[in-house]
């Protein structure tokens, strides 16, 4: 691996950081809201699955117990 001096390294880092396209405040807020909505939907889905599995197991255990 080729070695570069610290000044060249800093110049290269600054050049790469200048290429980054930073999201706008609106994009950040929109994606944050989407994450919260999807997390809530996932929680509701798994809660319903849990209720169904628990009910099915209770039915089976009561039928044989």
C-alpha atoms as a PDB file:
ATOM      1  CA  UNK A   1       0.000   0.000   0.000  1.00  0.00           C
ATOM      2  CA  UNK A   2       1.369   3.369  -0.978  1.00  0.00           C
ATOM      3  CA  UNK A   3       1.958   5.845   1.794  1.00  0.00           C
ATOM      4  CA  UNK A   4       0.870   9.445   1.523  1.00  0.00           C
ATOM      5  CA  UNK A   5       1.890  12.307   3.685  1.00  0.00           C
ATOM      6  CA  UNK A   6      -0.653  13.725   6.151  1.00  0.00           C
ATOM      7  CA  UNK A   7      -1.267  16.870   4.087  1.00  0.00           C
ATOM      8  CA  UNK A   8      -2.224  14.835   1.011  1.00  0.00           C
ATOM      9  CA  UNK A   9      -4.432  12.622   3.141  1.00  0.00           C
ATOM     10  CA  UNK A  10      -6.319  15.597   4.550  1.00  0.00           C
ATOM     11  CA  UNK A  11      -6.724  17.078   1.060  1.00  0.00           C
ATOM     12  CA  UNK A  12      -8.102  13.764  -0.220  1.00  0.00           C
ATOM     13  CA  UNK A  13     -10.505  13.477   2.708  1.00  0.00           C
ATOM     14  CA  UNK A  14     -11.771  17.015   2.141  1.00  0.00           C
ATOM     15  CA  UNK A  15     -12.252  16.271  -1.565  1.00  0.00           C
ATOM     16  CA  UNK A  16     -14.267  13.137  -0.773  1.00  0.00           C
ATOM     17  CA  UNK A  17     -16.390  14.893   1.853  1.00  0.00           C
ATOM     18  CA  UNK A  18     -17.165  17.623  -0.684  1.00  0.00           C
ATOM     19  CA  UNK A  19     -18.684  14.937  -2.956  1.00  0.00           C
ATOM     20  CA  UNK A  20     -21.174  13.823  -0.310  1.00  0.00           C
ATOM     21  CA  UNK A  21     -24.768  14.857  -0.980  1.00  0.00           C
ATOM     22  CA  UNK A  22     -26.267  15.652   2.415  1.00  0.00           C
ATOM     23  CA  UNK A  23     -30.028  15.171   2.867  1.00  0.00           C
ATOM     24  CA  UNK A  24     -32.238  18.186   3.393  1.00  0.00           C
ATOM     25  CA  UNK A  25     -34.115  18.744   6.641  1.00  0.00           C
ATOM     26  CA  UNK A  26     -37.352  17.759   4.879  1.00  0.00           C
ATOM     27  CA  UNK A  27     -35.861  14.451   3.662  1.00  0.00           C
ATOM     28  CA  UNK A  28     -34.573  13.636   7.141  1.00  0.00           C
ATOM     29  CA  UNK A  29     -37.948  14.380   8.735  1.00  0.00           C
ATOM     30  CA  UNK A  30     -39.806  12.363   6.099  1.00  0.00           C
ATOM     31  CA  UNK A  31     -37.606   9.299   6.463  1.00  0.00           C
ATOM     32  CA  UNK A  32     -37.756   9.569  10.270  1.00  0.00           C
ATOM     33  CA  UNK A  33     -41.556   9.598  10.198  1.00  0.00           C
ATOM     34  CA  UNK A  34     -41.532   6.640   7.798  1.00  0.00           C
ATOM     35  CA  UNK A  35     -39.298   4.665  10.158  1.00  0.00           C
ATOM     36  CA  UNK A  36     -41.611   5.336  13.112  1.00  0.00           C
ATOM     37  CA  UNK A  37     -44.693   4.353  11.094  1.00  0.00           C
ATOM     38  CA  UNK A  38     -43.097   1.124   9.850  1.00  0.00           C
ATOM     39  CA  UNK A  39     -41.866   0.282  13.358  1.00  0.00           C
ATOM     40  CA  UNK A  40     -45.393   0.766  14.708  1.00  0.00           C
ATOM     41  CA  UNK A  41     -46.895  -1.397  11.949  1.00  0.00           C
ATOM     42  CA  UNK A  42     -44.334  -4.115  12.622  1.00  0.00           C
ATOM     43  CA  UNK A  43     -45.101  -4.013  16.346  1.00  0.00           C
ATOM     44  CA  UNK A  44     -48.841  -4.341  15.669  1.00  0.00           C
ATOM     45  CA  UNK A  45     -48.236  -7.233  13.260  1.00  0.00           C
ATOM     46  CA  UNK A  46     -46.120  -9.189  15.735  1.00  0.00           C
ATOM     47  CA  UNK A  47     -48.564  -8.457  18.557  1.00  0.00           C
ATOM     48  CA  UNK A  48     -51.392  -9.930  16.467  1.00  0.00           C
ATOM     49  CA  UNK A  49     -49.297 -12.969  15.542  1.00  0.00           C
ATOM     50  CA  UNK A  50     -48.434 -13.437  19.223  1.00  0.00           C
ATOM     51  CA  UNK A  51     -52.103 -13.257  20.224  1.00  0.00           C
ATOM     52  CA  UNK A  52     -53.052 -15.801  17.547  1.00  0.00           C
ATOM     53  CA  UNK A  53     -50.301 -18.229  18.534  1.00  0.00           C
ATOM     54  CA  UNK A  54     -51.118 -17.865  22.241  1.00  0.00           C
ATOM     55  CA  UNK A  55     -54.808 -18.465  21.571  1.00  0.00           C
ATOM     56  CA  UNK A  56     -54.055 -21.515  19.436  1.00  0.00           C
ATOM     57  CA  UNK A  57     -51.761 -23.000  22.064  1.00  0.00           C
ATOM     58  CA  UNK A  58     -54.302 -22.397  24.820  1.00  0.00           C
ATOM     59  CA  UNK A  59     -56.957 -24.104  22.692  1.00  0.00           C
ATOM     60  CA  UNK A  60     -54.730 -27.127  22.063  1.00  0.00           C
ATOM     61  CA  UNK A  61     -53.637 -27.376  25.708  1.00  0.00           C
ATOM     62  CA  UNK A  62     -57.213 -27.063  26.986  1.00  0.00           C
ATOM     63  CA  UNK A  63     -58.387 -29.702  24.484  1.00  0.00           C
ATOM     64  CA  UNK A  64     -55.828 -32.241  25.692  1.00  0.00           C
ATOM     65  CA  UNK A  65     -55.413 -31.098  29.274  1.00  0.00           C
END
